[in-house]
């Protein structure tokens, strides 16, 4: 079993910044990818940013140039720095981890953290 603990969400004004953190623990074996997805009210969950074990990074077009994903010094911890926030960034942000364990591939989601951007 893998646990994902998210932190750093909250309220920001447009143009402001927030930083999300996601720490994975438990029976972690080969991690292939970690990152964030988000879901706004009435919308489908969408990719925000991911980073693979090899360092390949993906960003949604809507956040390119504003959000930065990185590895923290703590083991299996990833950070998402969100700058120049916009009201459209308001959503629940979910941390995601995908990897390969003894029993095959695994995927886990965090509990979600609310990000609200006011205009």
PDB file of N, CA and C in Angstrom:
ATOM      1  N   UNK A   1       0.839  -1.184   0.000  1.00  0.00           N
ATOM      2  CA  UNK A   1       0.000   0.000   0.000  1.00  0.00           C
ATOM      3  C   UNK A   1       0.879   1.240   0.000  1.00  0.00           C
ATOM      4  N   UNK A   2       0.454   2.245  -0.721  1.00  0.00           N
ATOM      5  CA  UNK A   2       1.183   3.507  -0.821  1.00  0.00           C
ATOM      6  C   UNK A   2       0.288   4.629  -0.309  1.00  0.00           C
ATOM      7  N   UNK A   3       0.854   5.502   0.493  1.00  0.00           N
ATOM      8  CA  UNK A   3       0.120   6.667   0.988  1.00  0.00           C
ATOM      9  C   UNK A   3       0.725   7.931   0.377  1.00  0.00           C
ATOM     10  N   UNK A   4      -0.158   8.834  -0.005  1.00  0.00           N
ATOM     11  CA  UNK A   4       0.249  10.136  -0.536  1.00  0.00           C
ATOM     12  C   UNK A   4      -0.295  11.214   0.387  1.00  0.00           C
ATOM     13  N   UNK A   5       0.588  12.055   0.888  1.00  0.00           N
ATOM     14  CA  UNK A   5       0.184  13.145   1.764  1.00  0.00           C
ATOM     15  C   UNK A   5       0.443  14.456   1.043  1.00  0.00           C
ATOM     16  N   UNK A   6      -0.615  15.211   0.828  1.00  0.00           N
ATOM     17  CA  UNK A   6      -0.519  16.479   0.128  1.00  0.00           C
ATOM     18  C   UNK A   6      -0.606  17.631   1.118  1.00  0.00           C
ATOM     19  N   UNK A   7       0.028  18.713   0.781  1.00  0.00           N
ATOM     20  CA  UNK A   7      -0.088  19.919   1.585  1.00  0.00           C
ATOM     21  C   UNK A   7       0.173  21.135   0.699  1.00  0.00           C
ATOM     22  N   UNK A   8      -0.220  22.297   1.214  1.00  0.00           N
ATOM     23  CA  UNK A   8       0.122  23.533   0.535  1.00  0.00           C
ATOM     24  C   UNK A   8      -1.003  24.216  -0.199  1.00  0.00           C
ATOM     25  N   UNK A   9      -2.166  23.615  -0.263  1.00  0.00           N
ATOM     26  CA  UNK A   9      -3.273  24.291  -0.925  1.00  0.00           C
ATOM     27  C   UNK A   9      -3.773  25.460  -0.099  1.00  0.00           C
ATOM     28  N   UNK A  10      -4.762  26.148  -0.625  1.00  0.00           N
ATOM     29  CA  UNK A  10      -5.327  27.265   0.119  1.00  0.00           C
ATOM     30  C   UNK A  10      -5.885  28.317  -0.800  1.00  0.00           C
ATOM     31  N   UNK A  11      -5.958  29.522  -0.269  1.00  0.00           N
ATOM     32  CA  UNK A  11      -6.550  30.650  -0.982  1.00  0.00           C
ATOM     33  C   UNK A  11      -5.461  31.619  -1.413  1.00  0.00           C
ATOM     34  N   UNK A  12      -5.535  32.067  -2.653  1.00  0.00           N
ATOM     35  CA  UNK A  12      -4.596  33.058  -3.159  1.00  0.00           C
ATOM     36  C   UNK A  12      -5.338  34.048  -4.040  1.00  0.00           C
ATOM     37  N   UNK A  13      -4.787  35.214  -4.159  1.00  0.00           N
ATOM     38  CA  UNK A  13      -5.341  36.196  -5.076  1.00  0.00           C
ATOM     39  C   UNK A  13      -4.750  35.974  -6.463  1.00  0.00           C
ATOM     40  N   UNK A  14      -5.456  36.433  -7.465  1.00  0.00           N
ATOM     41  CA  UNK A  14      -4.931  36.347  -8.823  1.00  0.00           C
ATOM     42  C   UNK A  14      -3.571  37.043  -8.882  1.00  0.00           C
ATOM     43  N   UNK A  15      -2.630  36.354  -9.533  1.00  0.00           N
ATOM     44  CA  UNK A  15      -1.270  36.867  -9.595  1.00  0.00           C
ATOM     45  C   UNK A  15      -0.384  36.371  -8.477  1.00  0.00           C
ATOM     46  N   UNK A  16      -0.982  35.741  -7.486  1.00  0.00           N
ATOM     47  CA  UNK A  16      -0.234  35.252  -6.348  1.00  0.00           C
ATOM     48  C   UNK A  16       0.375  33.884  -6.599  1.00  0.00           C
ATOM     49  N   UNK A  17       0.928  33.319  -5.532  1.00  0.00           N
ATOM     50  CA  UNK A  17       1.626  32.041  -5.638  1.00  0.00           C
ATOM     51  C   UNK A  17       1.222  31.095  -4.512  1.00  0.00           C
ATOM     52  N   UNK A  18       1.295  29.832  -4.796  1.00  0.00           N
ATOM     53  CA  UNK A  18       1.141  28.765  -3.818  1.00  0.00           C
ATOM     54  C   UNK A  18       2.108  27.649  -4.191  1.00  0.00           C
ATOM     55  N   UNK A  19       2.474  26.843  -3.204  1.00  0.00           N
ATOM     56  CA  UNK A  19       3.322  25.693  -3.468  1.00  0.00           C
ATOM     57  C   UNK A  19       2.684  24.456  -2.876  1.00  0.00           C
ATOM     58  N   UNK A  20       2.512  23.449  -3.703  1.00  0.00           N
ATOM     59  CA  UNK A  20       1.981  22.169  -3.260  1.00  0.00           C
ATOM     60  C   UNK A  20       3.120  21.187  -3.036  1.00  0.00           C
ATOM     61  N   UNK A  21       2.923  20.332  -2.058  1.00  0.00           N
ATOM     62  CA  UNK A  21       3.884  19.275  -1.765  1.00  0.00           C
ATOM     63  C   UNK A  21       3.153  17.943  -1.720  1.00  0.00           C
ATOM     64  N   UNK A  22       3.807  16.914  -2.193  1.00  0.00           N
ATOM     65  CA  UNK A  22       3.245  15.568  -2.150  1.00  0.00           C
ATOM     66  C   UNK A  22       4.335  14.611  -1.710  1.00  0.00           C
ATOM     67  N   UNK A  23       4.087  13.935  -0.600  1.00  0.00           N
ATOM     68  CA  UNK A  23       5.051  12.981  -0.067  1.00  0.00           C
ATOM     69  C   UNK A  23       4.465  11.579  -0.128  1.00  0.00           C
ATOM     70  N   UNK A  24       5.184  10.673  -0.741  1.00  0.00           N
ATOM     71  CA  UNK A  24       4.733   9.288  -0.859  1.00  0.00           C
ATOM     72  C   UNK A  24       5.468   8.417   0.151  1.00  0.00           C
ATOM     73  N   UNK A  25       4.730   7.499   0.755  1.00  0.00           N
ATOM     74  CA  UNK A  25       5.336   6.570   1.710  1.00  0.00           C
ATOM     75  C   UNK A  25       4.641   5.223   1.596  1.00  0.00           C
ATOM     76  N   UNK A  26       5.238   4.232   2.233  1.00  0.00           N
ATOM     77  CA  UNK A  26       4.658   2.907   2.194  1.00  0.00           C
ATOM     78  C   UNK A  26       5.477   1.963   1.333  1.00  0.00           C
ATOM     79  N   UNK A  27       4.797   1.028   0.706  1.00  0.00           N
ATOM     80  CA  UNK A  27       5.470   0.005  -0.089  1.00  0.00           C
ATOM     81  C   UNK A  27       5.782   0.558  -1.484  1.00  0.00           C
ATOM     82  N   UNK A  28       6.761   1.444  -1.478  1.00  0.00           N
ATOM     83  CA  UNK A  28       7.148   2.084  -2.728  1.00  0.00           C
ATOM     84  C   UNK A  28       8.309   1.330  -3.340  1.00  0.00           C
ATOM     85  N   UNK A  29       8.135   0.902  -4.529  1.00  0.00           N
ATOM     86  CA  UNK A  29       9.216   0.252  -5.230  1.00  0.00           C
ATOM     87  C   UNK A  29       9.660   1.146  -6.362  1.00  0.00           C
ATOM     88  N   UNK A  30       9.535   0.718  -7.529  1.00  0.00           N
ATOM     89  CA  UNK A  30      10.028   1.513  -8.644  1.00  0.00           C
ATOM     90  C   UNK A  30       8.998   2.565  -9.026  1.00  0.00           C
ATOM     91  N   UNK A  31       9.294   3.820  -8.722  1.00  0.00           N
ATOM     92  CA  UNK A  31       8.390   4.910  -9.083  1.00  0.00           C
ATOM     93  C   UNK A  31       8.677   5.341 -10.509  1.00  0.00           C
ATOM     94  N   UNK A  32       7.661   5.324 -11.330  1.00  0.00           N
ATOM     95  CA  UNK A  32       7.824   5.735 -12.723  1.00  0.00           C
ATOM     96  C   UNK A  32       7.479   7.209 -12.927  1.00  0.00           C
ATOM     97  N   UNK A  33       6.441   7.655 -12.229  1.00  0.00           N
ATOM     98  CA  UNK A  33       5.990   9.029 -12.440  1.00  0.00           C
ATOM     99  C   UNK A  33       5.253   9.523 -11.212  1.00  0.00           C
ATOM    100  N   UNK A  34       5.406  10.795 -10.916  1.00  0.00           N
ATOM    101  CA  UNK A  34       4.618  11.479  -9.886  1.00  0.00           C
ATOM    102  C   UNK A  34       4.198  12.820 -10.439  1.00  0.00           C
ATOM    103  N   UNK A  35       3.111  13.317  -9.908  1.00  0.00           N
ATOM    104  CA  UNK A  35       2.684  14.631 -10.369  1.00  0.00           C
ATOM    105  C   UNK A  35       1.322  14.999  -9.832  1.00  0.00           C
ATOM    106  N   UNK A  36       0.691  15.943 -10.503  1.00  0.00           N
ATOM    107  CA  UNK A  36      -0.607  16.462 -10.076  1.00  0.00           C
ATOM    108  C   UNK A  36      -1.608  16.508 -11.227  1.00  0.00           C
ATOM    109  N   UNK A  37      -2.825  16.217 -10.861  1.00  0.00           N
ATOM    110  CA  UNK A  37      -3.979  16.451 -11.703  1.00  0.00           C
ATOM    111  C   UNK A  37      -4.894  17.385 -10.927  1.00  0.00           C
ATOM    112  N   UNK A  38      -5.850  17.980 -11.592  1.00  0.00           N
ATOM    113  CA  UNK A  38      -6.807  18.840 -10.905  1.00  0.00           C
ATOM    114  C   UNK A  38      -8.203  18.648 -11.481  1.00  0.00           C
ATOM    115  N   UNK A  39      -9.178  18.966 -10.640  1.00  0.00           N
ATOM    116  CA  UNK A  39     -10.574  18.851 -11.050  1.00  0.00           C
ATOM    117  C   UNK A  39     -11.339  20.039 -10.520  1.00  0.00           C
ATOM    118  N   UNK A  40     -11.873  20.818 -11.441  1.00  0.00           N
ATOM    119  CA  UNK A  40     -12.714  21.957 -11.092  1.00  0.00           C
ATOM    120  C   UNK A  40     -14.164  21.502 -11.062  1.00  0.00           C
ATOM    121  N   UNK A  41     -15.025  22.226 -10.352  1.00  0.00           N
ATOM    122  CA  UNK A  41     -16.447  21.842 -10.271  1.00  0.00           C
ATOM    123  C   UNK A  41     -17.065  21.715 -11.660  1.00  0.00           C
ATOM    124  N   UNK A  42     -17.717  20.603 -11.886  1.00  0.00           N
ATOM    125  CA  UNK A  42     -18.396  20.381 -13.155  1.00  0.00           C
ATOM    126  C   UNK A  42     -17.498  20.005 -14.309  1.00  0.00           C
ATOM    127  N   UNK A  43     -16.214  19.813 -14.031  1.00  0.00           N
ATOM    128  CA  UNK A  43     -15.271  19.471 -15.094  1.00  0.00           C
ATOM    129  C   UNK A  43     -14.598  18.144 -14.803  1.00  0.00           C
ATOM    130  N   UNK A  44     -14.010  17.565 -15.838  1.00  0.00           N
ATOM    131  CA  UNK A  44     -13.270  16.323 -15.667  1.00  0.00           C
ATOM    132  C   UNK A  44     -11.899  16.598 -15.063  1.00  0.00           C
ATOM    133  N   UNK A  45     -11.359  15.581 -14.439  1.00  0.00           N
ATOM    134  CA  UNK A  45     -10.007  15.688 -13.907  1.00  0.00           C
ATOM    135  C   UNK A  45      -9.026  15.815 -15.083  1.00  0.00           C
ATOM    136  N   UNK A  46      -8.075  16.724 -14.928  1.00  0.00           N
ATOM    137  CA  UNK A  46      -7.124  16.970 -16.000  1.00  0.00           C
ATOM    138  C   UNK A  46      -5.701  17.006 -15.465  1.00  0.00           C
ATOM    139  N   UNK A  47      -4.766  16.668 -16.341  1.00  0.00           N
ATOM    140  CA  UNK A  47      -3.365  16.702 -15.967  1.00  0.00           C
ATOM    141  C   UNK A  47      -2.901  18.142 -15.760  1.00  0.00           C
ATOM    142  N   UNK A  48      -2.106  18.341 -14.722  1.00  0.00           N
ATOM    143  CA  UNK A  48      -1.458  19.629 -14.493  1.00  0.00           C
ATOM    144  C   UNK A  48       0.025  19.514 -14.848  1.00  0.00           C
ATOM    145  N   UNK A  49       0.707  18.588 -14.179  1.00  0.00           N
ATOM    146  CA  UNK A  49       2.126  18.409 -14.433  1.00  0.00           C
ATOM    147  C   UNK A  49       2.582  17.081 -13.859  1.00  0.00           C
ATOM    148  N   UNK A  50       3.485  16.410 -14.547  1.00  0.00           N
ATOM    149  CA  UNK A  50       4.086  15.185 -14.046  1.00  0.00           C
ATOM    150  C   UNK A  50       5.577  15.195 -14.315  1.00  0.00           C
ATOM    151  N   UNK A  51       6.289  14.394 -13.530  1.00  0.00           N
ATOM    152  CA  UNK A  51       7.725  14.232 -13.721  1.00  0.00           C
ATOM    153  C   UNK A  51       8.053  12.761 -13.582  1.00  0.00           C
ATOM    154  N   UNK A  52       8.791  12.222 -14.538  1.00  0.00           N
ATOM    155  CA  UNK A  52       9.134  10.807 -14.499  1.00  0.00           C
ATOM    156  C   UNK A  52      10.414  10.595 -13.697  1.00  0.00           C
ATOM    157  N   UNK A  53      10.713   9.340 -13.436  1.00  0.00           N
ATOM    158  CA  UNK A  53      11.936   9.021 -12.702  1.00  0.00           C
ATOM    159  C   UNK A  53      13.170   9.456 -13.479  1.00  0.00           C
ATOM    160  N   UNK A  54      13.045   9.533 -14.771  1.00  0.00           N
ATOM    161  CA  UNK A  54      14.165   9.983 -15.588  1.00  0.00           C
ATOM    162  C   UNK A  54      14.251  11.476 -15.753  1.00  0.00           C
ATOM    163  N   UNK A  55      13.304  12.177 -15.129  1.00  0.00           N
ATOM    164  CA  UNK A  55      13.342  13.634 -15.164  1.00  0.00           C
ATOM    165  C   UNK A  55      12.552  14.266 -16.290  1.00  0.00           C
ATOM    166  N   UNK A  56      11.799  13.447 -17.046  1.00  0.00           N
ATOM    167  CA  UNK A  56      10.989  14.022 -18.120  1.00  0.00           C
ATOM    168  C   UNK A  56       9.766  14.704 -17.515  1.00  0.00           C
ATOM    169  N   UNK A  57       9.537  15.947 -17.895  1.00  0.00           N
ATOM    170  CA  UNK A  57       8.473  16.761 -17.307  1.00  0.00           C
ATOM    171  C   UNK A  57       7.414  17.097 -18.349  1.00  0.00           C
ATOM    172  N   UNK A  58       6.174  17.012 -17.910  1.00  0.00           N
ATOM    173  CA  UNK A  58       5.036  17.387 -18.734  1.00  0.00           C
ATOM    174  C   UNK A  58       4.223  18.457 -18.030  1.00  0.00           C
ATOM    175  N   UNK A  59       3.776  19.453 -18.765  1.00  0.00           N
ATOM    176  CA  UNK A  59       2.879  20.484 -18.239  1.00  0.00           C
ATOM    177  C   UNK A  59       1.670  20.614 -19.149  1.00  0.00           C
ATOM    178  N   UNK A  60       0.543  20.886 -18.536  1.00  0.00           N
ATOM    179  CA  UNK A  60      -0.618  21.281 -19.322  1.00  0.00           C
ATOM    180  C   UNK A  60      -0.320  22.634 -19.965  1.00  0.00           C
ATOM    181  N   UNK A  61      -0.851  22.838 -21.160  1.00  0.00           N
ATOM    182  CA  UNK A  61      -0.598  24.102 -21.856  1.00  0.00           C
ATOM    183  C   UNK A  61      -1.033  25.301 -21.009  1.00  0.00           C
ATOM    184  N   UNK A  62      -2.092  25.118 -20.248  1.00  0.00           N
ATOM    185  CA  UNK A  62      -2.665  26.221 -19.476  1.00  0.00           C
ATOM    186  C   UNK A  62      -1.766  26.672 -18.327  1.00  0.00           C
ATOM    187  N   UNK A  63      -0.783  25.852 -17.944  1.00  0.00           N
ATOM    188  CA  UNK A  63       0.069  26.220 -16.797  1.00  0.00           C
ATOM    189  C   UNK A  63       1.522  26.423 -17.191  1.00  0.00           C
ATOM    190  N   UNK A  64       1.850  26.161 -18.445  1.00  0.00           N
ATOM    191  CA  UNK A  64       3.233  26.336 -18.896  1.00  0.00           C
ATOM    192  C   UNK A  64       3.702  27.763 -18.657  1.00  0.00           C
ATOM    193  N   UNK A  65       4.912  27.881 -18.111  1.00  0.00           N
ATOM    194  CA  UNK A  65       5.469  29.186 -17.829  1.00  0.00           C
ATOM    195  C   UNK A  65       5.049  29.758 -16.495  1.00  0.00           C
ATOM    196  N   UNK A  66       4.094  29.123 -15.832  1.00  0.00           N
ATOM    197  CA  UNK A  66       3.624  29.611 -14.529  1.00  0.00           C
ATOM    198  C   UNK A  66       3.862  28.606 -13.415  1.00  0.00           C
ATOM    199  N   UNK A  67       3.754  27.314 -13.727  1.00  0.00           N
ATOM    200  CA  UNK A  67       3.922  26.263 -12.730  1.00  0.00           C
ATOM    201  C   UNK A  67       5.239  25.551 -12.975  1.00  0.00           C
ATOM    202  N   UNK A  68       5.871  25.103 -11.874  1.00  0.00           N
ATOM    203  CA  UNK A  68       7.121  24.354 -11.967  1.00  0.00           C
ATOM    204  C   UNK A  68       7.063  23.155 -11.038  1.00  0.00           C
ATOM    205  N   UNK A  69       7.300  21.988 -11.595  1.00  0.00           N
ATOM    206  CA  UNK A  69       7.341  20.765 -10.789  1.00  0.00           C
ATOM    207  C   UNK A  69       8.799  20.425 -10.512  1.00  0.00           C
ATOM    208  N   UNK A  70       9.059  19.900  -9.314  1.00  0.00           N
ATOM    209  CA  UNK A  70      10.435  19.568  -8.968  1.00  0.00           C
ATOM    210  C   UNK A  70      10.459  18.479  -7.915  1.00  0.00           C
ATOM    211  N   UNK A  71      11.646  17.928  -7.704  1.00  0.00           N
ATOM    212  CA  UNK A  71      11.858  16.948  -6.643  1.00  0.00           C
ATOM    213  C   UNK A  71      12.342  17.671  -5.402  1.00  0.00           C
ATOM    214  N   UNK A  72      11.800  17.275  -4.258  1.00  0.00           N
ATOM    215  CA  UNK A  72      12.274  17.809  -2.986  1.00  0.00           C
ATOM    216  C   UNK A  72      13.441  16.950  -2.513  1.00  0.00           C
ATOM    217  N   UNK A  73      14.199  17.442  -1.560  1.00  0.00           N
ATOM    218  CA  UNK A  73      15.285  16.654  -0.997  1.00  0.00           C
ATOM    219  C   UNK A  73      14.769  15.441  -0.229  1.00  0.00           C
ATOM    220  N   UNK A  74      13.572  15.549   0.335  1.00  0.00           N
ATOM    221  CA  UNK A  74      13.000  14.411   1.055  1.00  0.00           C
ATOM    222  C   UNK A  74      12.679  13.296   0.060  1.00  0.00           C
ATOM    223  N   UNK A  75      12.843  12.062   0.465  1.00  0.00           N
ATOM    224  CA  UNK A  75      12.579  10.943  -0.452  1.00  0.00           C
ATOM    225  C   UNK A  75      11.140  10.926  -0.950  1.00  0.00           C
ATOM    226  N   UNK A  76      10.975  10.635  -2.214  1.00  0.00           N
ATOM    227  CA  UNK A  76       9.658  10.442  -2.822  1.00  0.00           C
ATOM    228  C   UNK A  76       8.729  11.613  -2.558  1.00  0.00           C
ATOM    229  N   UNK A  77       9.266  12.804  -2.612  1.00  0.00           N
ATOM    230  CA  UNK A  77       8.487  14.026  -2.413  1.00  0.00           C
ATOM    231  C   UNK A  77       8.643  14.924  -3.627  1.00  0.00           C
ATOM    232  N   UNK A  78       7.522  15.425  -4.102  1.00  0.00           N
ATOM    233  CA  UNK A  78       7.539  16.315  -5.264  1.00  0.00           C
ATOM    234  C   UNK A  78       6.855  17.618  -4.884  1.00  0.00           C
ATOM    235  N   UNK A  79       7.301  18.685  -5.517  1.00  0.00           N
ATOM    236  CA  UNK A  79       6.774  20.016  -5.264  1.00  0.00           C
ATOM    237  C   UNK A  79       6.184  20.588  -6.539  1.00  0.00           C
ATOM    238  N   UNK A  80       5.132  21.377  -6.378  1.00  0.00           N
ATOM    239  CA  UNK A  80       4.565  22.098  -7.509  1.00  0.00           C
ATOM    240  C   UNK A  80       4.490  23.570  -7.114  1.00  0.00           C
ATOM    241  N   UNK A  81       5.364  24.359  -7.678  1.00  0.00           N
ATOM    242  CA  UNK A  81       5.345  25.800  -7.451  1.00  0.00           C
ATOM    243  C   UNK A  81       4.406  26.434  -8.461  1.00  0.00           C
ATOM    244  N   UNK A  82       3.406  27.132  -7.955  1.00  0.00           N
ATOM    245  CA  UNK A  82       2.390  27.734  -8.815  1.00  0.00           C
ATOM    246  C   UNK A  82       2.475  29.252  -8.690  1.00  0.00           C
ATOM    247  N   UNK A  83       2.882  29.903  -9.736  1.00  0.00           N
ATOM    248  CA  UNK A  83       3.017  31.359  -9.761  1.00  0.00           C
ATOM    249  C   UNK A  83       2.002  31.980 -10.711  1.00  0.00           C
ATOM    250  N   UNK A  84       1.813  33.265 -10.549  1.00  0.00           N
ATOM    251  CA  UNK A  84       0.876  34.002 -11.411  1.00  0.00           C
ATOM    252  C   UNK A  84      -0.457  33.259 -11.518  1.00  0.00           C
ATOM    253  N   UNK A  85      -0.988  32.900 -10.383  1.00  0.00           N
ATOM    254  CA  UNK A  85      -2.226  32.133 -10.358  1.00  0.00           C
ATOM    255  C   UNK A  85      -3.380  32.912 -10.961  1.00  0.00           C
ATOM    256  N   UNK A  86      -4.285  32.163 -11.579  1.00  0.00           N
ATOM    257  CA  UNK A  86      -5.464  32.739 -12.201  1.00  0.00           C
ATOM    258  C   UNK A  86      -6.709  32.111 -11.601  1.00  0.00           C
ATOM    259  N   UNK A  87      -7.843  32.808 -11.645  1.00  0.00           N
ATOM    260  CA  UNK A  87      -9.079  32.199 -11.131  1.00  0.00           C
ATOM    261  C   UNK A  87      -9.382  30.840 -11.771  1.00  0.00           C
ATOM    262  N   UNK A  88      -9.002  30.655 -13.031  1.00  0.00           N
ATOM    263  CA  UNK A  88      -9.231  29.371 -13.700  1.00  0.00           C
ATOM    264  C   UNK A  88      -8.401  28.240 -13.106  1.00  0.00           C
ATOM    265  N   UNK A  89      -7.436  28.557 -12.273  1.00  0.00           N
ATOM    266  CA  UNK A  89      -6.651  27.517 -11.601  1.00  0.00           C
ATOM    267  C   UNK A  89      -7.378  26.945 -10.390  1.00  0.00           C
ATOM    268  N   UNK A  90      -8.502  27.540 -10.034  1.00  0.00           N
ATOM    269  CA  UNK A  90      -9.277  27.048  -8.895  1.00  0.00           C
ATOM    270  C   UNK A  90      -9.756  25.632  -9.156  1.00  0.00           C
ATOM    271  N   UNK A  91      -9.396  24.723  -8.263  1.00  0.00           N
ATOM    272  CA  UNK A  91      -9.730  23.308  -8.426  1.00  0.00           C
ATOM    273  C   UNK A  91      -9.234  22.547  -7.203  1.00  0.00           C
ATOM    274  N   UNK A  92      -9.638  21.293  -7.132  1.00  0.00           N
ATOM    275  CA  UNK A  92      -9.014  20.374  -6.188  1.00  0.00           C
ATOM    276  C   UNK A  92      -7.835  19.727  -6.913  1.00  0.00           C
ATOM    277  N   UNK A  93      -6.673  19.804  -6.304  1.00  0.00           N
ATOM    278  CA  UNK A  93      -5.462  19.262  -6.899  1.00  0.00           C
ATOM    279  C   UNK A  93      -5.151  17.909  -6.253  1.00  0.00           C
ATOM    280  N   UNK A  94      -4.952  16.921  -7.101  1.00  0.00           N
ATOM    281  CA  UNK A  94      -4.700  15.556  -6.641  1.00  0.00           C
ATOM    282  C   UNK A  94      -3.289  15.139  -7.014  1.00  0.00           C
ATOM    283  N   UNK A  95      -2.573  14.659  -6.041  1.00  0.00           N
ATOM    284  CA  UNK A  95      -1.256  14.075  -6.307  1.00  0.00           C
ATOM    285  C   UNK A  95      -1.438  12.670  -6.863  1.00  0.00           C
ATOM    286  N   UNK A  96      -0.543  12.297  -7.741  1.00  0.00           N
ATOM    287  CA  UNK A  96      -0.613  10.989  -8.400  1.00  0.00           C
ATOM    288  C   UNK A  96       0.763  10.337  -8.399  1.00  0.00           C
ATOM    289  N   UNK A  97       0.777   9.029  -8.181  1.00  0.00           N
ATOM    290  CA  UNK A  97       2.015   8.274  -8.282  1.00  0.00           C
ATOM    291  C   UNK A  97       1.750   7.008  -9.076  1.00  0.00           C
ATOM    292  N   UNK A  98       2.651   6.703  -9.975  1.00  0.00           N
ATOM    293  CA  UNK A  98       2.569   5.473 -10.749  1.00  0.00           C
ATOM    294  C   UNK A  98       3.910   4.781 -10.750  1.00  0.00           C
ATOM    295  N   UNK A  99       3.883   3.483 -10.602  1.00  0.00           N
ATOM    296  CA  UNK A  99       5.138   2.760 -10.573  1.00  0.00           C
ATOM    297  C   UNK A  99       4.945   1.282 -10.821  1.00  0.00           C
ATOM    298  N   UNK A 100       6.009   0.544 -10.606  1.00  0.00           N
ATOM    299  CA  UNK A 100       5.989  -0.897 -10.804  1.00  0.00           C
ATOM    300  C   UNK A 100       6.461  -1.574  -9.529  1.00  0.00           C
ATOM    301  N   UNK A 101       5.608  -2.444  -8.966  1.00  0.00           N
ATOM    302  CA  UNK A 101       5.951  -3.166  -7.753  1.00  0.00           C
ATOM    303  C   UNK A 101       6.127  -4.644  -8.011  1.00  0.00           C
ATOM    304  N   UNK A 102       6.196  -5.405  -6.926  1.00  0.00           N
ATOM    305  CA  UNK A 102       6.399  -6.843  -7.050  1.00  0.00           C
ATOM    306  C   UNK A 102       5.212  -7.518  -7.741  1.00  0.00           C
ATOM    307  N   UNK A 103       4.028  -6.923  -7.585  1.00  0.00           N
ATOM    308  CA  UNK A 103       2.813  -7.509  -8.150  1.00  0.00           C
ATOM    309  C   UNK A 103       2.388  -6.861  -9.457  1.00  0.00           C
ATOM    310  N   UNK A 104       3.249  -6.026 -10.004  1.00  0.00           N
ATOM    311  CA  UNK A 104       2.901  -5.350 -11.241  1.00  0.00           C
ATOM    312  C   UNK A 104       2.790  -3.855 -11.077  1.00  0.00           C
ATOM    313  N   UNK A 105       2.173  -3.211 -12.033  1.00  0.00           N
ATOM    314  CA  UNK A 105       2.045  -1.758 -12.003  1.00  0.00           C
ATOM    315  C   UNK A 105       1.070  -1.309 -10.912  1.00  0.00           C
ATOM    316  N   UNK A 106       1.323  -0.137 -10.347  1.00  0.00           N
ATOM    317  CA  UNK A 106       0.408   0.422  -9.359  1.00  0.00           C
ATOM    318  C   UNK A 106       0.180   1.894  -9.649  1.00  0.00           C
ATOM    319  N   UNK A 107      -0.957   2.384  -9.198  1.00  0.00           N
ATOM    320  CA  UNK A 107      -1.329   3.793  -9.328  1.00  0.00           C
ATOM    321  C   UNK A 107      -2.080   4.202  -8.075  1.00  0.00           C
ATOM    322  N   UNK A 108      -1.728   5.333  -7.505  1.00  0.00           N
ATOM    323  CA  UNK A 108      -2.399   5.836  -6.315  1.00  0.00           C
ATOM    324  C   UNK A 108      -2.658   7.329  -6.461  1.00  0.00           C
ATOM    325  N   UNK A 109      -3.720   7.760  -5.794  1.00  0.00           N
ATOM    326  CA  UNK A 109      -4.097   9.174  -5.766  1.00  0.00           C
ATOM    327  C   UNK A 109      -4.090   9.687  -4.338  1.00  0.00           C
ATOM    328  N   UNK A 110      -3.720  10.937  -4.174  1.00  0.00           N
ATOM    329  CA  UNK A 110      -3.845  11.588  -2.884  1.00  0.00           C
ATOM    330  C   UNK A 110      -5.285  11.967  -2.618  1.00  0.00           C
ATOM    331  N   UNK A 111      -5.514  12.510  -1.424  1.00  0.00           N
ATOM    332  CA  UNK A 111      -6.877  12.845  -1.015  1.00  0.00           C
ATOM    333  C   UNK A 111      -7.354  14.142  -1.655  1.00  0.00           C
ATOM    334  N   UNK A 112      -6.443  14.890  -2.206  1.00  0.00           N
ATOM    335  CA  UNK A 112      -6.800  16.156  -2.848  1.00  0.00           C
ATOM    336  C   UNK A 112      -6.635  17.335  -1.921  1.00  0.00           C
ATOM    337  N   UNK A 113      -6.217  18.443  -2.485  1.00  0.00           N
ATOM    338  CA  UNK A 113      -6.089  19.674  -1.714  1.00  0.00           C
ATOM    339  C   UNK A 113      -6.716  20.809  -2.529  1.00  0.00           C
ATOM    340  N   UNK A 114      -7.502  21.629  -1.859  1.00  0.00           N
ATOM    341  CA  UNK A 114      -8.238  22.688  -2.551  1.00  0.00           C
ATOM    342  C   UNK A 114      -7.336  23.894  -2.802  1.00  0.00           C
ATOM    343  N   UNK A 115      -7.375  24.371  -4.028  1.00  0.00           N
ATOM    344  CA  UNK A 115      -6.719  25.626  -4.393  1.00  0.00           C
ATOM    345  C   UNK A 115      -7.801  26.567  -4.910  1.00  0.00           C
ATOM    346  N   UNK A 116      -7.908  27.728  -4.286  1.00  0.00           N
ATOM    347  CA  UNK A 116      -8.904  28.715  -4.680  1.00  0.00           C
ATOM    348  C   UNK A 116      -8.201  30.027  -4.991  1.00  0.00           C
ATOM    349  N   UNK A 117      -8.434  30.529  -6.183  1.00  0.00           N
ATOM    350  CA  UNK A 117      -7.814  31.783  -6.614  1.00  0.00           C
ATOM    351  C   UNK A 117      -8.908  32.817  -6.822  1.00  0.00           C
ATOM    352  N   UNK A 118      -8.821  33.895  -6.097  1.00  0.00           N
ATOM    353  CA  UNK A 118      -9.826  34.961  -6.202  1.00  0.00           C
ATOM    354  C   UNK A 118      -9.348  36.040  -7.169  1.00  0.00           C
ATOM    355  N   UNK A 119     -10.309  36.635  -7.836  1.00  0.00           N
ATOM    356  CA  UNK A 119      -9.959  37.678  -8.818  1.00  0.00           C
ATOM    357  C   UNK A 119      -9.872  39.036  -8.178  1.00  0.00           C
TER     358      UNK A 119
END
